[in-house]
């Protein structure tokens, strides 16, 4: 008696690429706790970006950027943990999680670079703020302050590039 080959399912004809794909099974919605975590992350990432746009006092900019940077990190932690928990529980991704992650990354990158720049050129920005306070509303003096800031930052960049 010859050995029998294991039975294989019959091969289906290939589907046409012009047909719509077969529908995938729908996952259940995420739990309310995951949805709230995702919305909290989205809200914090928007607040982080919004706070960076409203910096008006150069002397306090470092503090505002540090807080915005920290809030962006917290927003990323919330949205990424909400998405991974939804994946582990085999539910749909919470609404707003992707947008919260994208905005959190933008806030993290922009805030990190701005904070590094503010810390690197803190003396130049302090001198610029003092010059603007002394200038008052005279446009010529404000332009002189701006020129002084550009020259001092240019010198600092030249020193950094020489090393």
N, C-alpha and C. Protein backbone atom coordinates (compact mmCIF):
# COMPACT_ATOMS: atom_id res chain seq x y z
N UNK A 1 0.83 -1.15 0.00
CA UNK A 1 0.00 0.00 0.00
C UNK A 1 0.90 1.25 0.00
N UNK A 2 0.70 2.14 -0.97
CA UNK A 2 1.56 3.33 -1.03
C UNK A 2 1.18 4.33 0.08
N UNK A 3 2.20 5.10 0.56
CA UNK A 3 1.91 6.09 1.60
C UNK A 3 1.01 7.21 1.03
N UNK A 4 0.08 7.64 1.83
CA UNK A 4 -0.83 8.68 1.37
C UNK A 4 -0.27 10.05 1.74
N UNK A 5 -0.35 10.94 0.84
CA UNK A 5 0.10 12.31 1.09
C UNK A 5 -0.94 13.02 1.94
N UNK A 6 -0.49 13.94 2.80
CA UNK A 6 -1.46 14.67 3.61
C UNK A 6 -2.38 15.48 2.69
N UNK A 7 -3.62 15.50 3.05
CA UNK A 7 -4.58 16.21 2.20
C UNK A 7 -4.38 17.71 2.34
N UNK A 8 -4.35 18.39 1.23
CA UNK A 8 -4.17 19.84 1.20
C UNK A 8 -5.49 20.47 0.78
N UNK A 9 -5.75 21.64 1.30
CA UNK A 9 -7.00 22.29 0.89
C UNK A 9 -6.92 22.64 -0.59
N UNK A 10 -8.03 22.65 -1.25
CA UNK A 10 -8.00 22.97 -2.68
C UNK A 10 -7.56 24.42 -2.87
N UNK A 11 -6.76 24.65 -3.91
CA UNK A 11 -6.28 25.99 -4.20
C UNK A 11 -7.41 26.79 -4.85
N UNK A 12 -7.56 28.00 -4.34
CA UNK A 12 -8.56 28.89 -4.89
C UNK A 12 -7.95 29.66 -6.06
N UNK A 13 -8.73 30.02 -7.03
CA UNK A 13 -8.17 30.82 -8.12
C UNK A 13 -7.73 32.18 -7.59
N UNK A 14 -6.71 32.76 -8.18
CA UNK A 14 -6.24 34.06 -7.68
C UNK A 14 -7.31 35.14 -7.87
N UNK A 15 -7.35 36.07 -6.89
CA UNK A 15 -8.32 37.17 -6.98
C UNK A 15 -7.78 38.23 -7.92
N UNK A 16 -8.65 38.86 -8.59
CA UNK A 16 -8.28 39.93 -9.50
C UNK A 16 -7.83 41.14 -8.70
N UNK A 17 -6.77 41.83 -9.11
CA UNK A 17 -6.34 43.03 -8.38
C UNK A 17 -7.34 44.17 -8.51
N UNK A 18 -8.29 44.04 -9.42
CA UNK A 18 -9.28 45.11 -9.61
C UNK A 18 -10.49 44.97 -8.70
N UNK A 19 -10.61 43.83 -8.03
CA UNK A 19 -11.71 43.63 -7.11
C UNK A 19 -11.36 44.23 -5.75
N UNK A 20 -12.35 44.61 -5.01
CA UNK A 20 -12.10 45.11 -3.67
C UNK A 20 -11.63 43.95 -2.79
N UNK A 21 -10.73 44.21 -1.86
CA UNK A 21 -10.26 43.12 -1.00
C UNK A 21 -11.38 42.61 -0.10
N UNK A 22 -11.20 41.39 0.33
CA UNK A 22 -12.19 40.79 1.23
C UNK A 22 -12.20 41.57 2.54
N UNK A 23 -13.36 41.80 3.13
CA UNK A 23 -13.41 42.58 4.37
C UNK A 23 -12.75 41.83 5.52
N UNK A 24 -12.00 42.60 6.31
CA UNK A 24 -11.36 42.02 7.49
C UNK A 24 -12.34 42.06 8.65
N UNK A 25 -12.17 41.16 9.59
CA UNK A 25 -13.07 41.19 10.74
C UNK A 25 -12.82 42.45 11.58
N UNK A 26 -13.88 43.04 12.07
CA UNK A 26 -13.78 44.26 12.86
C UNK A 26 -13.34 43.92 14.29
N UNK A 27 -12.41 44.72 14.79
CA UNK A 27 -11.98 44.55 16.18
C UNK A 27 -12.96 45.26 17.10
N UNK A 28 -13.06 44.83 18.33
CA UNK A 28 -13.95 45.53 19.27
C UNK A 28 -13.37 46.90 19.62
N UNK A 29 -14.21 47.82 20.06
CA UNK A 29 -13.71 49.16 20.41
C UNK A 29 -12.82 49.10 21.65
N UNK A 30 -11.95 50.10 21.80
CA UNK A 30 -11.07 50.11 22.98
C UNK A 30 -11.87 50.42 24.25
N UNK A 31 -11.29 50.09 25.36
CA UNK A 31 -11.96 50.37 26.64
C UNK A 31 -12.00 51.89 26.86
N UNK A 32 -12.94 52.35 27.66
CA UNK A 32 -13.02 53.79 27.92
C UNK A 32 -11.74 54.36 28.55
N UNK A 33 -11.07 53.56 29.35
CA UNK A 33 -9.83 54.04 29.98
C UNK A 33 -8.76 54.30 28.92
N UNK A 34 -8.65 53.42 27.93
CA UNK A 34 -7.67 53.64 26.86
C UNK A 34 -8.05 54.84 26.02
N UNK A 35 -9.33 55.00 25.76
CA UNK A 35 -9.79 56.14 24.98
C UNK A 35 -9.49 57.45 25.71
N UNK A 36 -9.71 57.48 27.02
CA UNK A 36 -9.42 58.67 27.81
C UNK A 36 -7.92 58.96 27.84
N UNK A 37 -7.11 57.91 27.91
CA UNK A 37 -5.66 58.09 27.90
C UNK A 37 -5.20 58.70 26.59
N UNK A 38 -5.77 58.23 25.49
CA UNK A 38 -5.40 58.76 24.18
C UNK A 38 -5.83 60.22 24.04
N UNK A 39 -7.05 60.55 24.51
CA UNK A 39 -7.51 61.93 24.43
C UNK A 39 -6.67 62.84 25.33
N UNK A 40 -6.27 62.34 26.48
CA UNK A 40 -5.41 63.14 27.37
C UNK A 40 -4.06 63.40 26.71
N UNK A 41 -3.50 62.39 26.03
CA UNK A 41 -2.24 62.59 25.32
C UNK A 41 -2.37 63.59 24.19
N UNK A 42 -3.48 63.53 23.46
CA UNK A 42 -3.71 64.49 22.38
C UNK A 42 -3.85 65.90 22.94
N UNK A 43 -4.59 66.05 24.02
CA UNK A 43 -4.76 67.36 24.62
C UNK A 43 -3.44 67.93 25.12
N UNK A 44 -2.63 67.10 25.75
CA UNK A 44 -1.35 67.58 26.26
C UNK A 44 -0.40 67.95 25.12
N UNK A 45 -0.43 67.20 24.04
CA UNK A 45 0.47 67.54 22.93
C UNK A 45 0.05 68.85 22.28
N UNK A 46 -1.26 69.10 22.17
CA UNK A 46 -1.72 70.38 21.62
C UNK A 46 -1.35 71.52 22.57
N UNK A 47 -1.50 71.31 23.87
CA UNK A 47 -1.12 72.34 24.84
C UNK A 47 0.38 72.62 24.80
N UNK A 48 1.17 71.59 24.58
CA UNK A 48 2.61 71.77 24.48
C UNK A 48 2.97 72.67 23.30
N UNK A 49 2.38 72.38 22.14
CA UNK A 49 2.66 73.20 20.96
C UNK A 49 2.11 74.61 21.12
N UNK A 50 0.93 74.72 21.70
CA UNK A 50 0.31 76.02 21.90
C UNK A 50 1.14 76.89 22.84
N UNK A 51 1.68 76.31 23.89
CA UNK A 51 2.49 77.09 24.83
C UNK A 51 3.79 77.57 24.18
N UNK A 52 4.33 76.79 23.27
CA UNK A 52 5.54 77.23 22.58
C UNK A 52 5.26 78.41 21.67
N UNK A 53 4.06 78.46 21.11
CA UNK A 53 3.73 79.57 20.21
C UNK A 53 3.49 80.87 20.96
N UNK A 54 3.16 80.80 22.21
CA UNK A 54 2.79 82.00 22.96
C UNK A 54 3.92 82.56 23.81
N UNK A 55 5.14 82.24 23.52
CA UNK A 55 6.26 82.79 24.28
C UNK A 55 6.42 84.25 23.90
N UNK A 56 6.29 85.13 24.87
CA UNK A 56 6.42 86.55 24.58
C UNK A 56 7.58 87.17 25.36
N UNK A 57 7.92 86.60 26.48
CA UNK A 57 8.99 87.13 27.31
C UNK A 57 10.23 86.27 27.11
N UNK A 58 11.26 86.84 26.53
CA UNK A 58 12.46 86.07 26.22
C UNK A 58 13.15 85.58 27.50
N UNK A 59 13.06 86.36 28.57
CA UNK A 59 13.72 85.96 29.80
C UNK A 59 13.08 84.73 30.42
N UNK A 60 11.79 84.49 30.17
CA UNK A 60 11.11 83.33 30.72
C UNK A 60 10.95 82.21 29.70
N UNK A 61 11.49 82.39 28.53
CA UNK A 61 11.31 81.42 27.44
C UNK A 61 11.91 80.06 27.79
N UNK A 62 13.03 80.04 28.50
CA UNK A 62 13.66 78.76 28.85
C UNK A 62 12.73 77.95 29.73
N UNK A 63 12.07 78.59 30.66
CA UNK A 63 11.17 77.87 31.57
C UNK A 63 9.94 77.36 30.83
N UNK A 64 9.39 78.19 29.95
CA UNK A 64 8.23 77.78 29.18
C UNK A 64 8.59 76.62 28.26
N UNK A 65 9.76 76.69 27.61
CA UNK A 65 10.17 75.61 26.71
C UNK A 65 10.44 74.32 27.49
N UNK A 66 11.01 74.43 28.68
CA UNK A 66 11.26 73.23 29.49
C UNK A 66 9.94 72.56 29.89
N UNK A 67 8.95 73.37 30.27
CA UNK A 67 7.65 72.80 30.64
C UNK A 67 6.97 72.20 29.40
N UNK A 68 7.03 72.90 28.27
CA UNK A 68 6.41 72.39 27.04
C UNK A 68 7.08 71.10 26.58
N UNK A 69 8.38 71.01 26.72
CA UNK A 69 9.13 69.81 26.36
C UNK A 69 8.71 68.65 27.26
N UNK A 70 8.58 68.91 28.55
CA UNK A 70 8.17 67.87 29.49
C UNK A 70 6.73 67.42 29.21
N UNK A 71 5.86 68.35 28.91
CA UNK A 71 4.47 68.00 28.61
C UNK A 71 4.40 67.17 27.33
N UNK A 72 5.25 67.49 26.34
CA UNK A 72 5.28 66.70 25.10
C UNK A 72 5.73 65.26 25.38
N UNK A 73 6.68 65.09 26.27
CA UNK A 73 7.14 63.75 26.64
C UNK A 73 6.01 62.97 27.32
N UNK A 74 5.28 63.63 28.22
CA UNK A 74 4.15 62.97 28.90
C UNK A 74 3.07 62.61 27.90
N UNK A 75 2.80 63.51 26.94
CA UNK A 75 1.80 63.23 25.91
C UNK A 75 2.19 62.02 25.07
N UNK A 76 3.47 61.94 24.70
CA UNK A 76 3.94 60.77 23.95
C UNK A 76 3.79 59.50 24.76
N UNK A 77 4.11 59.56 26.03
CA UNK A 77 3.99 58.37 26.87
C UNK A 77 2.53 57.91 26.95
N UNK A 78 1.62 58.85 27.08
CA UNK A 78 0.20 58.49 27.17
C UNK A 78 -0.32 57.88 25.87
N UNK A 79 -0.03 58.52 24.75
CA UNK A 79 -0.58 58.02 23.48
C UNK A 79 0.05 56.70 23.06
N UNK A 80 1.34 56.57 23.24
CA UNK A 80 2.00 55.32 22.85
C UNK A 80 1.56 54.18 23.75
N UNK A 81 1.40 54.46 25.05
CA UNK A 81 0.95 53.38 25.94
C UNK A 81 -0.50 53.00 25.65
N UNK A 82 -1.33 53.97 25.24
CA UNK A 82 -2.72 53.65 24.89
C UNK A 82 -2.77 52.77 23.64
N UNK A 83 -1.93 53.07 22.66
CA UNK A 83 -1.93 52.26 21.44
C UNK A 83 -1.39 50.86 21.70
N UNK A 84 -0.34 50.76 22.51
CA UNK A 84 0.21 49.42 22.77
C UNK A 84 -0.73 48.59 23.64
N UNK A 85 -1.42 49.22 24.58
CA UNK A 85 -2.38 48.48 25.39
C UNK A 85 -3.56 48.01 24.54
N UNK A 86 -3.98 48.82 23.58
CA UNK A 86 -5.05 48.40 22.68
C UNK A 86 -4.60 47.23 21.81
N UNK A 87 -3.37 47.26 21.39
CA UNK A 87 -2.85 46.15 20.58
C UNK A 87 -2.77 44.87 21.41
N UNK A 88 -2.32 44.99 22.66
CA UNK A 88 -2.23 43.81 23.53
C UNK A 88 -3.61 43.22 23.82
N UNK A 89 -4.60 44.08 23.98
CA UNK A 89 -5.94 43.58 24.29
C UNK A 89 -6.75 43.26 23.03
N UNK A 90 -6.11 43.39 21.88
CA UNK A 90 -6.74 43.07 20.59
C UNK A 90 -8.02 43.86 20.36
N UNK A 91 -7.90 45.16 20.61
CA UNK A 91 -9.01 46.07 20.33
C UNK A 91 -8.52 47.11 19.32
N UNK A 92 -9.47 47.93 18.87
CA UNK A 92 -9.10 48.98 17.93
C UNK A 92 -8.23 50.02 18.61
N UNK A 93 -7.47 50.72 17.80
CA UNK A 93 -6.64 51.81 18.31
C UNK A 93 -7.56 52.94 18.76
N UNK A 94 -7.29 53.56 19.92
CA UNK A 94 -8.17 54.65 20.39
C UNK A 94 -8.12 55.84 19.44
N UNK A 95 -9.26 56.50 19.33
CA UNK A 95 -9.33 57.69 18.47
C UNK A 95 -8.42 58.78 19.03
N UNK A 96 -7.75 59.46 18.15
CA UNK A 96 -6.88 60.55 18.55
C UNK A 96 -5.48 60.13 18.94
N UNK A 97 -5.22 58.84 18.99
CA UNK A 97 -3.90 58.38 19.45
C UNK A 97 -2.82 58.69 18.42
N UNK A 98 -3.12 58.49 17.15
CA UNK A 98 -2.11 58.76 16.12
C UNK A 98 -1.81 60.26 16.05
N UNK A 99 -2.85 61.08 16.03
CA UNK A 99 -2.65 62.53 15.98
C UNK A 99 -1.91 63.02 17.22
N UNK A 100 -2.25 62.48 18.38
CA UNK A 100 -1.54 62.85 19.60
C UNK A 100 -0.08 62.46 19.55
N UNK A 101 0.21 61.31 18.95
CA UNK A 101 1.60 60.88 18.82
C UNK A 101 2.36 61.79 17.86
N UNK A 102 1.75 62.10 16.72
CA UNK A 102 2.43 62.96 15.74
C UNK A 102 2.68 64.34 16.33
N UNK A 103 1.67 64.94 16.95
CA UNK A 103 1.86 66.26 17.55
C UNK A 103 2.83 66.21 18.73
N UNK A 104 2.82 65.12 19.48
CA UNK A 104 3.78 64.98 20.57
C UNK A 104 5.21 64.88 20.08
N UNK A 105 5.42 64.18 18.97
CA UNK A 105 6.76 64.09 18.39
C UNK A 105 7.21 65.46 17.89
N UNK A 106 6.29 66.19 17.24
CA UNK A 106 6.63 67.54 16.77
C UNK A 106 7.00 68.43 17.96
N UNK A 107 6.22 68.37 19.02
CA UNK A 107 6.52 69.16 20.21
C UNK A 107 7.82 68.74 20.87
N UNK A 108 8.09 67.44 20.89
CA UNK A 108 9.33 66.93 21.47
C UNK A 108 10.54 67.41 20.69
N UNK A 109 10.50 67.28 19.37
CA UNK A 109 11.64 67.67 18.53
C UNK A 109 11.83 69.17 18.55
N UNK A 110 10.76 69.90 18.28
CA UNK A 110 10.87 71.36 18.26
C UNK A 110 11.25 71.90 19.62
N UNK A 111 10.61 71.40 20.67
CA UNK A 111 10.93 71.86 22.02
C UNK A 111 12.36 71.53 22.43
N UNK A 112 12.83 70.35 22.03
CA UNK A 112 14.21 69.97 22.36
C UNK A 112 15.23 70.88 21.70
N UNK A 113 15.02 71.14 20.40
CA UNK A 113 15.96 72.02 19.70
C UNK A 113 15.88 73.45 20.23
N UNK A 114 14.67 73.94 20.47
CA UNK A 114 14.52 75.31 20.97
C UNK A 114 15.11 75.44 22.37
N UNK A 115 14.88 74.44 23.20
CA UNK A 115 15.44 74.49 24.55
C UNK A 115 16.96 74.44 24.52
N UNK A 116 17.51 73.59 23.66
CA UNK A 116 18.97 73.54 23.54
C UNK A 116 19.52 74.87 23.04
N UNK A 117 18.84 75.47 22.06
CA UNK A 117 19.30 76.77 21.56
C UNK A 117 19.20 77.86 22.61
N UNK A 118 18.11 77.86 23.35
CA UNK A 118 17.96 78.87 24.40
C UNK A 118 19.00 78.70 25.50
N UNK A 119 19.30 77.47 25.85
CA UNK A 119 20.31 77.24 26.88
C UNK A 119 21.72 77.54 26.38
N UNK A 120 21.97 77.23 25.11
CA UNK A 120 23.30 77.46 24.54
C UNK A 120 23.59 78.96 24.40
N UNK A 121 22.57 79.72 24.03
CA UNK A 121 22.75 81.16 23.83
C UNK A 121 22.04 81.97 24.89
N UNK A 122 22.04 81.49 26.12
CA UNK A 122 21.29 82.17 27.19
C UNK A 122 21.85 83.56 27.47
N UNK A 123 23.17 83.72 27.47
CA UNK A 123 23.73 85.05 27.75
C UNK A 123 23.37 86.04 26.64
N UNK A 124 23.40 85.58 25.39
CA UNK A 124 23.06 86.47 24.28
C UNK A 124 21.59 86.90 24.36
N UNK A 125 20.70 85.96 24.70
CA UNK A 125 19.29 86.31 24.81
C UNK A 125 19.02 87.21 26.00
N UNK A 126 19.76 87.03 27.08
CA UNK A 126 19.61 87.91 28.24
C UNK A 126 20.04 89.32 27.88
N UNK A 127 21.17 89.46 27.18
CA UNK A 127 21.63 90.77 26.74
C UNK A 127 20.62 91.41 25.78
N UNK A 128 20.04 90.60 24.92
CA UNK A 128 19.04 91.12 23.97
C UNK A 128 17.80 91.60 24.71
N UNK A 129 17.34 90.85 25.70
CA UNK A 129 16.17 91.27 26.48
C UNK A 129 16.45 92.55 27.24
N UNK A 130 17.63 92.66 27.82
CA UNK A 130 17.99 93.89 28.54
C UNK A 130 18.07 95.07 27.58
N UNK A 131 18.61 94.84 26.40
CA UNK A 131 18.71 95.90 25.39
C UNK A 131 17.33 96.36 24.96
N UNK A 132 16.40 95.41 24.76
CA UNK A 132 15.03 95.78 24.37
C UNK A 132 14.33 96.55 25.49
N UNK A 133 14.58 96.18 26.74
CA UNK A 133 13.96 96.90 27.85
C UNK A 133 14.46 98.34 27.91
N UNK A 134 15.73 98.54 27.62
CA UNK A 134 16.30 99.89 27.62
C UNK A 134 15.85 100.69 26.40
N UNK A 135 15.58 99.99 25.28
CA UNK A 135 15.22 100.68 24.05
C UNK A 135 13.82 101.28 24.12
N UNK A 136 12.93 100.66 24.84
CA UNK A 136 11.56 101.15 24.90
C UNK A 136 10.85 100.90 23.59
N UNK A 137 10.31 101.96 22.99
CA UNK A 137 9.57 101.79 21.74
C UNK A 137 10.28 102.42 20.55
N UNK A 138 11.52 102.79 20.70
CA UNK A 138 12.26 103.40 19.60
C UNK A 138 12.71 102.30 18.65
N UNK A 139 12.26 102.38 17.41
CA UNK A 139 12.50 101.32 16.44
C UNK A 139 13.98 101.21 16.09
N UNK A 140 14.67 102.32 16.01
CA UNK A 140 16.10 102.29 15.65
C UNK A 140 16.90 101.55 16.72
N UNK A 141 16.56 101.78 17.99
CA UNK A 141 17.27 101.09 19.06
C UNK A 141 16.93 99.60 19.06
N UNK A 142 15.67 99.25 18.75
CA UNK A 142 15.30 97.84 18.68
C UNK A 142 16.05 97.14 17.54
N UNK A 143 16.22 97.83 16.42
CA UNK A 143 16.99 97.26 15.32
C UNK A 143 18.45 97.09 15.71
N UNK A 144 18.98 98.03 16.49
CA UNK A 144 20.35 97.92 16.97
C UNK A 144 20.49 96.72 17.91
N UNK A 145 19.49 96.50 18.74
CA UNK A 145 19.50 95.34 19.64
C UNK A 145 19.48 94.04 18.83
N UNK A 146 18.67 94.00 17.79
CA UNK A 146 18.58 92.81 16.94
C UNK A 146 19.92 92.56 16.23
N UNK A 147 20.55 93.61 15.76
CA UNK A 147 21.86 93.47 15.10
C UNK A 147 22.90 92.98 16.10
N UNK A 148 22.86 93.51 17.31
CA UNK A 148 23.79 93.06 18.36
C UNK A 148 23.58 91.58 18.66
N UNK A 149 22.32 91.12 18.73
CA UNK A 149 22.04 89.70 18.97
C UNK A 149 22.57 88.85 17.82
N UNK A 150 22.32 89.26 16.59
CA UNK A 150 22.81 88.49 15.44
C UNK A 150 24.33 88.39 15.44
N UNK A 151 25.00 89.49 15.76
CA UNK A 151 26.47 89.46 15.78
C UNK A 151 27.00 88.58 16.90
N UNK A 152 26.40 88.65 18.08
CA UNK A 152 26.91 87.85 19.20
C UNK A 152 26.62 86.36 18.99
N UNK A 153 25.47 86.02 18.42
CA UNK A 153 25.18 84.62 18.13
C UNK A 153 26.11 84.11 17.03
N UNK A 154 26.37 84.96 16.02
CA UNK A 154 27.29 84.58 14.95
C UNK A 154 28.69 84.32 15.47
N UNK A 155 29.15 85.16 16.40
CA UNK A 155 30.47 84.94 17.00
C UNK A 155 30.50 83.63 17.79
N UNK A 156 29.42 83.36 18.53
CA UNK A 156 29.35 82.12 19.32
C UNK A 156 29.35 80.90 18.41
N UNK A 157 28.61 80.98 17.30
CA UNK A 157 28.60 79.86 16.36
C UNK A 157 29.97 79.68 15.72
N UNK A 158 30.68 80.77 15.47
CA UNK A 158 32.03 80.68 14.92
C UNK A 158 32.99 80.01 15.89
N UNK A 159 32.84 80.32 17.19
CA UNK A 159 33.68 79.68 18.20
C UNK A 159 33.34 78.20 18.30
N UNK A 160 32.07 77.87 18.24
CA UNK A 160 31.66 76.46 18.33
C UNK A 160 32.14 75.68 17.11
N UNK A 161 32.12 76.30 15.93
CA UNK A 161 32.54 75.61 14.72
C UNK A 161 34.05 75.44 14.65
N UNK A 162 34.81 76.29 15.36
CA UNK A 162 36.27 76.20 15.31
C UNK A 162 36.81 75.02 16.11
N UNK A 163 36.03 74.53 17.07
CA UNK A 163 36.52 73.43 17.91
C UNK A 163 36.50 72.14 17.20
